[in-house]
């Protein structure tokens, strides 16, 4: 393997170091014009100043690469400026069909986050633009969401707002709060966030029930989870058609679904909560 690598290296490098035969001269190409230099640059657009670490780290990482230019623009400037960019990072706005239709040079739209609700995917597809997102299990986002869900559950059961008022009024023993021990938690949508939530709920002594479209396909395509792991994390499994029954059994419902055309709006969720 080492000899092959050295041989390949020699074949590539030696011709570059060997002078040309007498009488032959390599002509130097003319330097590129400013317009040609501009055309060779890949321009990356971050939409809005929010989550500053995203564009700060990206800019720092790409500093050695002069052919990539990163810009951060205010949200209101994005529709007018987007025709100049090849890559767009969507953060706190909706990239709708009107804006996408102006992105004549765009090759990739990246949603900064786990979902793609900030991008009109069909419009991007129609214009030949690829759409990507950041998977939650690779960034710590699913763990962060799971821990926030537990914080909100505890705040609800412990009546955090009422307790603050009682402390300010110097009232002791009010209000009477509840413990998480023995509660039934319904995880609606058992993806990466639901899985991390179930992991973290186990030490609290709760019963975890969960629904997912297809448990079989999930365990086949997910390296983090096997059938035995599911049995350890979830006391009762069901499909999405079981969500109304599961909701009636639960003390707390945690919705971990992607926001899309099937899940948007309160109407589908109303029977679950009533």
C-alpha atoms as a PDB file:
ATOM      1  CA  UNK A   1       0.000   0.000   0.000  1.00  0.00           C
ATOM      2  CA  UNK A   2       2.860   2.416   0.869  1.00  0.00           C
ATOM      3  CA  UNK A   3       4.749   1.579  -2.334  1.00  0.00           C
ATOM      4  CA  UNK A   4       1.633   2.167  -4.421  1.00  0.00           C
ATOM      5  CA  UNK A   5       1.081   5.521  -2.749  1.00  0.00           C
ATOM      6  CA  UNK A   6       4.715   6.551  -3.315  1.00  0.00           C
ATOM      7  CA  UNK A   7       4.572   5.437  -6.925  1.00  0.00           C
ATOM      8  CA  UNK A   8       1.386   7.408  -7.534  1.00  0.00           C
ATOM      9  CA  UNK A   9       2.885  10.431  -5.843  1.00  0.00           C
ATOM     10  CA  UNK A  10       6.016  10.154  -8.005  1.00  0.00           C
ATOM     11  CA  UNK A  11       3.962   9.899 -11.171  1.00  0.00           C
ATOM     12  CA  UNK A  12       2.114  13.074 -10.276  1.00  0.00           C
ATOM     13  CA  UNK A  13       4.893  15.211  -8.799  1.00  0.00           C
ATOM     14  CA  UNK A  14       7.963  14.322 -10.921  1.00  0.00           C
ATOM     15  CA  UNK A  15       6.538  15.619 -14.208  1.00  0.00           C
ATOM     16  CA  UNK A  16       5.879  18.922 -12.477  1.00  0.00           C
ATOM     17  CA  UNK A  17       9.507  19.141 -11.313  1.00  0.00           C
ATOM     18  CA  UNK A  18      11.166  17.894 -14.510  1.00  0.00           C
ATOM     19  CA  UNK A  19      12.199  20.778 -16.805  1.00  0.00           C
ATOM     20  CA  UNK A  20      10.769  20.733 -20.331  1.00  0.00           C
ATOM     21  CA  UNK A  21      12.950  19.532 -23.215  1.00  0.00           C
ATOM     22  CA  UNK A  22      15.170  22.083 -24.938  1.00  0.00           C
ATOM     23  CA  UNK A  23      13.295  24.167 -27.418  1.00  0.00           C
ATOM     24  CA  UNK A  24       9.947  23.734 -25.631  1.00  0.00           C
ATOM     25  CA  UNK A  25       8.547  26.319 -23.256  1.00  0.00           C
ATOM     26  CA  UNK A  26       5.403  26.237 -21.157  1.00  0.00           C
ATOM     27  CA  UNK A  27       3.365  29.356 -21.731  1.00  0.00           C
ATOM     28  CA  UNK A  28       1.843  30.892 -18.623  1.00  0.00           C
ATOM     29  CA  UNK A  29      -1.927  31.441 -18.795  1.00  0.00           C
ATOM     30  CA  UNK A  30      -2.991  35.051 -18.472  1.00  0.00           C
ATOM     31  CA  UNK A  31      -4.119  36.111 -14.987  1.00  0.00           C
ATOM     32  CA  UNK A  32      -7.891  35.956 -14.497  1.00  0.00           C
ATOM     33  CA  UNK A  33      -9.841  39.134 -14.900  1.00  0.00           C
ATOM     34  CA  UNK A  34     -11.798  40.547 -11.926  1.00  0.00           C
ATOM     35  CA  UNK A  35     -15.010  39.227 -13.473  1.00  0.00           C
ATOM     36  CA  UNK A  36     -13.516  35.733 -13.845  1.00  0.00           C
ATOM     37  CA  UNK A  37     -12.305  35.838 -10.243  1.00  0.00           C
ATOM     38  CA  UNK A  38     -15.788  36.794  -9.087  1.00  0.00           C
ATOM     39  CA  UNK A  39     -17.347  33.951 -11.094  1.00  0.00           C
ATOM     40  CA  UNK A  40     -15.064  31.431  -9.386  1.00  0.00           C
ATOM     41  CA  UNK A  41     -16.230  32.434  -5.889  1.00  0.00           C
ATOM     42  CA  UNK A  42     -18.888  30.361  -4.131  1.00  0.00           C
ATOM     43  CA  UNK A  43     -21.095  32.764  -2.195  1.00  0.00           C
ATOM     44  CA  UNK A  44     -22.823  31.588   0.995  1.00  0.00           C
ATOM     45  CA  UNK A  45     -25.718  33.520   2.526  1.00  0.00           C
ATOM     46  CA  UNK A  46     -26.816  33.327   6.172  1.00  0.00           C
ATOM     47  CA  UNK A  47     -30.329  34.709   6.581  1.00  0.00           C
ATOM     48  CA  UNK A  48     -30.468  36.978   9.607  1.00  0.00           C
ATOM     49  CA  UNK A  49     -28.218  37.626  12.618  1.00  0.00           C
ATOM     50  CA  UNK A  50     -29.832  35.088  14.956  1.00  0.00           C
ATOM     51  CA  UNK A  51     -27.867  32.114  16.333  1.00  0.00           C
ATOM     52  CA  UNK A  52     -24.610  34.023  15.688  1.00  0.00           C
ATOM     53  CA  UNK A  53     -22.375  31.034  16.452  1.00  0.00           C
ATOM     54  CA  UNK A  54     -23.576  29.421  13.216  1.00  0.00           C
ATOM     55  CA  UNK A  55     -22.116  32.031  10.884  1.00  0.00           C
ATOM     56  CA  UNK A  56     -19.198  32.974  13.147  1.00  0.00           C
ATOM     57  CA  UNK A  57     -17.842  29.410  13.249  1.00  0.00           C
ATOM     58  CA  UNK A  58     -18.525  28.907   9.543  1.00  0.00           C
ATOM     59  CA  UNK A  59     -16.699  32.106   8.600  1.00  0.00           C
ATOM     60  CA  UNK A  60     -13.758  31.186  10.798  1.00  0.00           C
ATOM     61  CA  UNK A  61     -13.581  27.661   9.378  1.00  0.00           C
ATOM     62  CA  UNK A  62     -13.653  28.903   5.776  1.00  0.00           C
ATOM     63  CA  UNK A  63     -11.063  31.669   6.197  1.00  0.00           C
ATOM     64  CA  UNK A  64      -8.269  29.658   4.489  1.00  0.00           C
ATOM     65  CA  UNK A  65     -10.507  29.139   1.451  1.00  0.00           C
ATOM     66  CA  UNK A  66     -10.494  32.398  -0.470  1.00  0.00           C
ATOM     67  CA  UNK A  67     -12.852  31.026  -3.122  1.00  0.00           C
ATOM     68  CA  UNK A  68     -15.733  30.829  -0.605  1.00  0.00           C
ATOM     69  CA  UNK A  69     -17.330  34.028   0.669  1.00  0.00           C
ATOM     70  CA  UNK A  70     -19.773  34.101   3.604  1.00  0.00           C
ATOM     71  CA  UNK A  71     -22.249  36.948   4.105  1.00  0.00           C
ATOM     72  CA  UNK A  72     -24.800  37.578   6.852  1.00  0.00           C
ATOM     73  CA  UNK A  73     -27.715  39.762   5.794  1.00  0.00           C
ATOM     74  CA  UNK A  74     -30.736  41.164   7.631  1.00  0.00           C
ATOM     75  CA  UNK A  75     -33.905  39.235   6.901  1.00  0.00           C
ATOM     76  CA  UNK A  76     -35.476  42.113   5.000  1.00  0.00           C
ATOM     77  CA  UNK A  77     -32.534  42.181   2.553  1.00  0.00           C
ATOM     78  CA  UNK A  78     -32.645  38.494   1.663  1.00  0.00           C
ATOM     79  CA  UNK A  79     -35.293  38.602  -1.128  1.00  0.00           C
ATOM     80  CA  UNK A  80     -33.365  41.231  -3.088  1.00  0.00           C
ATOM     81  CA  UNK A  81     -29.893  39.769  -2.516  1.00  0.00           C
ATOM     82  CA  UNK A  82     -30.586  36.055  -2.962  1.00  0.00           C
ATOM     83  CA  UNK A  83     -29.957  35.995  -6.763  1.00  0.00           C
ATOM     84  CA  UNK A  84     -26.237  36.546  -6.017  1.00  0.00           C
ATOM     85  CA  UNK A  85     -25.748  33.420  -3.878  1.00  0.00           C
ATOM     86  CA  UNK A  86     -25.046  29.727  -4.458  1.00  0.00           C
ATOM     87  CA  UNK A  87     -25.758  28.435  -0.928  1.00  0.00           C
ATOM     88  CA  UNK A  88     -28.370  29.740   1.495  1.00  0.00           C
ATOM     89  CA  UNK A  89     -28.595  28.957   5.235  1.00  0.00           C
ATOM     90  CA  UNK A  90     -32.157  29.549   6.461  1.00  0.00           C
ATOM     91  CA  UNK A  91     -32.533  30.384  10.147  1.00  0.00           C
ATOM     92  CA  UNK A  92     -35.391  32.640  11.229  1.00  0.00           C
ATOM     93  CA  UNK A  93     -37.468  33.139   8.108  1.00  0.00           C
ATOM     94  CA  UNK A  94     -39.553  31.287   5.559  1.00  0.00           C
ATOM     95  CA  UNK A  95     -37.980  30.809   2.142  1.00  0.00           C
ATOM     96  CA  UNK A  96     -41.171  30.683   0.086  1.00  0.00           C
ATOM     97  CA  UNK A  97     -41.700  30.039  -3.621  1.00  0.00           C
ATOM     98  CA  UNK A  98     -41.470  33.757  -4.483  1.00  0.00           C
ATOM     99  CA  UNK A  99     -38.016  34.132  -2.913  1.00  0.00           C
ATOM    100  CA  UNK A 100     -36.800  30.798  -4.293  1.00  0.00           C
ATOM    101  CA  UNK A 101     -37.851  31.814  -7.812  1.00  0.00           C
ATOM    102  CA  UNK A 102     -35.354  34.687  -7.606  1.00  0.00           C
ATOM    103  CA  UNK A 103     -32.449  32.397  -6.574  1.00  0.00           C
ATOM    104  CA  UNK A 104     -31.083  31.948 -10.101  1.00  0.00           C
ATOM    105  CA  UNK A 105     -27.618  30.769  -9.004  1.00  0.00           C
ATOM    106  CA  UNK A 106     -28.707  28.753  -5.967  1.00  0.00           C
ATOM    107  CA  UNK A 107     -27.479  25.147  -5.682  1.00  0.00           C
ATOM    108  CA  UNK A 108     -28.194  24.304  -2.041  1.00  0.00           C
ATOM    109  CA  UNK A 109     -30.593  25.545   0.651  1.00  0.00           C
ATOM    110  CA  UNK A 110     -29.688  24.414   4.167  1.00  0.00           C
ATOM    111  CA  UNK A 111     -32.202  24.661   7.012  1.00  0.00           C
ATOM    112  CA  UNK A 112     -30.375  25.580  10.223  1.00  0.00           C
ATOM    113  CA  UNK A 113     -32.123  23.041  12.434  1.00  0.00           C
ATOM    114  CA  UNK A 114     -33.693  19.603  12.377  1.00  0.00           C
ATOM    115  CA  UNK A 115     -36.804  20.398  10.334  1.00  0.00           C
ATOM    116  CA  UNK A 116     -37.294  21.888   6.895  1.00  0.00           C
ATOM    117  CA  UNK A 117     -40.408  23.933   7.620  1.00  0.00           C
ATOM    118  CA  UNK A 118     -38.467  27.094   6.736  1.00  0.00           C
ATOM    119  CA  UNK A 119     -38.147  26.037   3.082  1.00  0.00           C
ATOM    120  CA  UNK A 120     -40.736  25.494   0.366  1.00  0.00           C
ATOM    121  CA  UNK A 121     -39.234  22.157  -0.658  1.00  0.00           C
ATOM    122  CA  UNK A 122     -41.480  21.710  -3.688  1.00  0.00           C
ATOM    123  CA  UNK A 123     -40.527  25.121  -5.057  1.00  0.00           C
ATOM    124  CA  UNK A 124     -36.834  24.366  -4.532  1.00  0.00           C
ATOM    125  CA  UNK A 125     -37.229  21.003  -6.258  1.00  0.00           C
ATOM    126  CA  UNK A 126     -38.963  22.656  -9.204  1.00  0.00           C
ATOM    127  CA  UNK A 127     -35.971  24.971  -9.612  1.00  0.00           C
ATOM    128  CA  UNK A 128     -33.414  22.159  -9.318  1.00  0.00           C
ATOM    129  CA  UNK A 129     -32.157  23.280  -5.901  1.00  0.00           C
ATOM    130  CA  UNK A 130     -31.146  20.706  -3.300  1.00  0.00           C
ATOM    131  CA  UNK A 131     -32.527  21.096   0.242  1.00  0.00           C
ATOM    132  CA  UNK A 132     -30.780  19.807   3.360  1.00  0.00           C
ATOM    133  CA  UNK A 133     -31.156  20.002   7.118  1.00  0.00           C
ATOM    134  CA  UNK A 134     -29.032  19.273  10.196  1.00  0.00           C
ATOM    135  CA  UNK A 135     -29.891  15.885  11.787  1.00  0.00           C
ATOM    136  CA  UNK A 136     -30.651  16.311  15.481  1.00  0.00           C
ATOM    137  CA  UNK A 137     -28.722  13.276  16.749  1.00  0.00           C
ATOM    138  CA  UNK A 138     -25.443  14.578  15.301  1.00  0.00           C
ATOM    139  CA  UNK A 139     -25.607  18.059  16.817  1.00  0.00           C
ATOM    140  CA  UNK A 140     -26.952  17.597  20.337  1.00  0.00           C
ATOM    141  CA  UNK A 141     -30.208  19.278  19.360  1.00  0.00           C
ATOM    142  CA  UNK A 142     -32.353  16.247  20.207  1.00  0.00           C
ATOM    143  CA  UNK A 143     -30.771  15.993  23.666  1.00  0.00           C
ATOM    144  CA  UNK A 144     -31.329  19.706  24.228  1.00  0.00           C
ATOM    145  CA  UNK A 145     -35.004  19.458  23.227  1.00  0.00           C
ATOM    146  CA  UNK A 146     -35.499  16.382  25.418  1.00  0.00           C
ATOM    147  CA  UNK A 147     -34.030  18.121  28.448  1.00  0.00           C
ATOM    148  CA  UNK A 148     -36.131  21.221  27.824  1.00  0.00           C
ATOM    149  CA  UNK A 149     -39.239  19.022  27.677  1.00  0.00           C
ATOM    150  CA  UNK A 150     -38.373  17.512  31.079  1.00  0.00           C
ATOM    151  CA  UNK A 151     -37.773  20.984  32.500  1.00  0.00           C
ATOM    152  CA  UNK A 152     -41.218  22.131  31.322  1.00  0.00           C
ATOM    153  CA  UNK A 153     -42.866  18.957  32.659  1.00  0.00           C
ATOM    154  CA  UNK A 154     -41.311  19.500  36.090  1.00  0.00           C
ATOM    155  CA  UNK A 155     -42.194  23.186  36.045  1.00  0.00           C
ATOM    156  CA  UNK A 156     -45.810  22.274  35.280  1.00  0.00           C
ATOM    157  CA  UNK A 157     -46.082  19.632  37.984  1.00  0.00           C
ATOM    158  CA  UNK A 158     -44.239  21.756  40.553  1.00  0.00           C
ATOM    159  CA  UNK A 159     -46.330  24.838  39.611  1.00  0.00           C
ATOM    160  CA  UNK A 160     -43.288  27.003  39.165  1.00  0.00           C
ATOM    161  CA  UNK A 161     -45.135  30.270  38.479  1.00  0.00           C
ATOM    162  CA  UNK A 162     -47.441  29.828  41.476  1.00  0.00           C
ATOM    163  CA  UNK A 163     -44.482  28.940  43.694  1.00  0.00           C
ATOM    164  CA  UNK A 164     -42.686  32.141  42.722  1.00  0.00           C
ATOM    165  CA  UNK A 165     -45.758  34.156  43.684  1.00  0.00           C
ATOM    166  CA  UNK A 166     -46.060  32.288  46.986  1.00  0.00           C
ATOM    167  CA  UNK A 167     -42.410  32.981  47.793  1.00  0.00           C
ATOM    168  CA  UNK A 168     -42.847  36.675  47.044  1.00  0.00           C
ATOM    169  CA  UNK A 169     -45.912  36.723  49.318  1.00  0.00           C
ATOM    170  CA  UNK A 170     -44.046  34.694  51.976  1.00  0.00           C
ATOM    171  CA  UNK A 171     -46.592  31.908  51.966  1.00  0.00           C
ATOM    172  CA  UNK A 172     -45.299  28.492  53.001  1.00  0.00           C
ATOM    173  CA  UNK A 173     -46.764  25.163  51.861  1.00  0.00           C
ATOM    174  CA  UNK A 174     -48.708  26.685  48.965  1.00  0.00           C
ATOM    175  CA  UNK A 175     -49.474  25.551  46.361  1.00  0.00           C
ATOM    176  CA  UNK A 176     -49.533  21.766  46.713  1.00  0.00           C
ATOM    177  CA  UNK A 177     -47.432  20.322  43.888  1.00  0.00           C
ATOM    178  CA  UNK A 178     -47.100  16.931  42.210  1.00  0.00           C
ATOM    179  CA  UNK A 179     -44.223  14.533  41.633  1.00  0.00           C
ATOM    180  CA  UNK A 180     -43.255  12.969  38.323  1.00  0.00           C
ATOM    181  CA  UNK A 181     -42.961   9.526  39.942  1.00  0.00           C
ATOM    182  CA  UNK A 182     -45.625   7.137  38.684  1.00  0.00           C
ATOM    183  CA  UNK A 183     -46.885   9.387  35.909  1.00  0.00           C
ATOM    184  CA  UNK A 184     -47.615   8.115  32.388  1.00  0.00           C
ATOM    185  CA  UNK A 185     -45.823  10.086  29.665  1.00  0.00           C
ATOM    186  CA  UNK A 186     -47.077   9.799  26.081  1.00  0.00           C
ATOM    187  CA  UNK A 187     -44.381  10.584  23.488  1.00  0.00           C
ATOM    188  CA  UNK A 188     -46.170  11.401  20.250  1.00  0.00           C
ATOM    189  CA  UNK A 189     -43.579  10.715  17.546  1.00  0.00           C
ATOM    190  CA  UNK A 190     -40.622   8.547  18.564  1.00  0.00           C
ATOM    191  CA  UNK A 191     -37.757  10.007  16.526  1.00  0.00           C
ATOM    192  CA  UNK A 192     -34.403  11.236  17.788  1.00  0.00           C
ATOM    193  CA  UNK A 193     -35.969  13.706  20.226  1.00  0.00           C
ATOM    194  CA  UNK A 194     -38.489  11.164  21.488  1.00  0.00           C
ATOM    195  CA  UNK A 195     -35.752   8.589  21.961  1.00  0.00           C
ATOM    196  CA  UNK A 196     -33.526  10.958  23.952  1.00  0.00           C
ATOM    197  CA  UNK A 197     -36.540  12.001  26.010  1.00  0.00           C
ATOM    198  CA  UNK A 198     -37.366   8.379  26.866  1.00  0.00           C
ATOM    199  CA  UNK A 199     -33.731   7.785  27.914  1.00  0.00           C
ATOM    200  CA  UNK A 200     -33.832  10.737  30.301  1.00  0.00           C
ATOM    201  CA  UNK A 201     -37.262   9.937  31.721  1.00  0.00           C
ATOM    202  CA  UNK A 202     -36.342   6.424  32.863  1.00  0.00           C
ATOM    203  CA  UNK A 203     -34.700   7.452  36.190  1.00  0.00           C
ATOM    204  CA  UNK A 204     -37.862   9.378  37.170  1.00  0.00           C
ATOM    205  CA  UNK A 205     -39.866   6.160  37.553  1.00  0.00           C
ATOM    206  CA  UNK A 206     -42.467   6.990  34.916  1.00  0.00           C
ATOM    207  CA  UNK A 207     -44.359   4.835  32.439  1.00  0.00           C
ATOM    208  CA  UNK A 208     -43.462   5.728  28.865  1.00  0.00           C
ATOM    209  CA  UNK A 209     -45.888   5.059  26.018  1.00  0.00           C
ATOM    210  CA  UNK A 210     -45.119   6.130  22.467  1.00  0.00           C
ATOM    211  CA  UNK A 211     -46.465   6.086  18.931  1.00  0.00           C
ATOM    212  CA  UNK A 212     -44.631   5.993  15.610  1.00  0.00           C
ATOM    213  CA  UNK A 213     -45.656   5.374  12.022  1.00  0.00           C
ATOM    214  CA  UNK A 214     -43.495   2.261  11.640  1.00  0.00           C
ATOM    215  CA  UNK A 215     -41.408   0.742  14.407  1.00  0.00           C
ATOM    216  CA  UNK A 216     -40.023  -1.975  12.120  1.00  0.00           C
ATOM    217  CA  UNK A 217     -38.534   0.366   9.537  1.00  0.00           C
ATOM    218  CA  UNK A 218     -37.165   2.582  12.294  1.00  0.00           C
ATOM    219  CA  UNK A 219     -35.171  -0.136  14.032  1.00  0.00           C
ATOM    220  CA  UNK A 220     -33.868  -1.365  10.679  1.00  0.00           C
ATOM    221  CA  UNK A 221     -32.505   2.040   9.633  1.00  0.00           C
ATOM    222  CA  UNK A 222     -31.389   3.495  12.975  1.00  0.00           C
ATOM    223  CA  UNK A 223     -28.005   2.549  14.367  1.00  0.00           C
ATOM    224  CA  UNK A 224     -28.770   4.069  17.783  1.00  0.00           C
ATOM    225  CA  UNK A 225     -31.688   1.806  18.510  1.00  0.00           C
ATOM    226  CA  UNK A 226     -32.434  -1.896  18.417  1.00  0.00           C
ATOM    227  CA  UNK A 227     -35.593  -3.819  19.287  1.00  0.00           C
ATOM    228  CA  UNK A 228     -34.249  -4.595  22.758  1.00  0.00           C
ATOM    229  CA  UNK A 229     -33.498  -0.910  23.336  1.00  0.00           C
ATOM    230  CA  UNK A 230     -37.062  -0.007  22.407  1.00  0.00           C
ATOM    231  CA  UNK A 231     -38.407  -2.497  24.924  1.00  0.00           C
ATOM    232  CA  UNK A 232     -36.155  -0.976  27.585  1.00  0.00           C
ATOM    233  CA  UNK A 233     -37.242   2.588  26.842  1.00  0.00           C
ATOM    234  CA  UNK A 234     -40.936   2.211  25.988  1.00  0.00           C
ATOM    235  CA  UNK A 235     -43.498   0.351  28.075  1.00  0.00           C
ATOM    236  CA  UNK A 236     -46.174   0.376  25.379  1.00  0.00           C
ATOM    237  CA  UNK A 237     -45.820   1.013  21.670  1.00  0.00           C
ATOM    238  CA  UNK A 238     -48.437   2.003  19.130  1.00  0.00           C
ATOM    239  CA  UNK A 239     -48.916   3.518  15.710  1.00  0.00           C
ATOM    240  CA  UNK A 240     -50.302   6.965  14.993  1.00  0.00           C
ATOM    241  CA  UNK A 241     -53.856   5.643  14.780  1.00  0.00           C
ATOM    242  CA  UNK A 242     -53.486   4.746  18.486  1.00  0.00           C
ATOM    243  CA  UNK A 243     -52.673   8.293  19.574  1.00  0.00           C
ATOM    244  CA  UNK A 244     -56.176   9.135  20.820  1.00  0.00           C
ATOM    245  CA  UNK A 245     -56.283   6.013  22.989  1.00  0.00           C
ATOM    246  CA  UNK A 246     -52.769   6.673  24.289  1.00  0.00           C
ATOM    247  CA  UNK A 247     -53.610  10.276  25.073  1.00  0.00           C
ATOM    248  CA  UNK A 248     -56.520   9.156  27.271  1.00  0.00           C
ATOM    249  CA  UNK A 249     -54.115   6.995  29.298  1.00  0.00           C
ATOM    250  CA  UNK A 250     -51.462   9.683  29.717  1.00  0.00           C
ATOM    251  CA  UNK A 251     -50.900  12.280  32.405  1.00  0.00           C
ATOM    252  CA  UNK A 252     -48.615  14.245  30.084  1.00  0.00           C
ATOM    253  CA  UNK A 253     -48.395  14.342  26.272  1.00  0.00           C
ATOM    254  CA  UNK A 254     -45.132  15.402  24.599  1.00  0.00           C
ATOM    255  CA  UNK A 255     -45.439  16.123  20.865  1.00  0.00           C
ATOM    256  CA  UNK A 256     -42.199  15.281  19.032  1.00  0.00           C
ATOM    257  CA  UNK A 257     -43.474  15.384  15.459  1.00  0.00           C
ATOM    258  CA  UNK A 258     -42.008  17.146  12.447  1.00  0.00           C
ATOM    259  CA  UNK A 259     -43.940  20.243  11.439  1.00  0.00           C
ATOM    260  CA  UNK A 260     -45.330  19.527   7.968  1.00  0.00           C
ATOM    261  CA  UNK A 261     -48.604  19.668   6.052  1.00  0.00           C
ATOM    262  CA  UNK A 262     -49.958  16.668   7.984  1.00  0.00           C
ATOM    263  CA  UNK A 263     -49.162  17.995  11.459  1.00  0.00           C
ATOM    264  CA  UNK A 264     -49.533  21.760  11.131  1.00  0.00           C
ATOM    265  CA  UNK A 265     -52.379  23.487  12.971  1.00  0.00           C
ATOM    266  CA  UNK A 266     -54.341  22.625  16.117  1.00  0.00           C
ATOM    267  CA  UNK A 267     -57.293  20.763  14.567  1.00  0.00           C
ATOM    268  CA  UNK A 268     -55.665  17.316  14.359  1.00  0.00           C
ATOM    269  CA  UNK A 269     -54.319  17.632  17.902  1.00  0.00           C
ATOM    270  CA  UNK A 270     -57.590  18.829  19.479  1.00  0.00           C
ATOM    271  CA  UNK A 271     -59.063  15.318  20.003  1.00  0.00           C
ATOM    272  CA  UNK A 272     -55.803  14.244  21.664  1.00  0.00           C
ATOM    273  CA  UNK A 273     -55.998  16.977  24.272  1.00  0.00           C
ATOM    274  CA  UNK A 274     -59.746  16.779  24.995  1.00  0.00           C
END
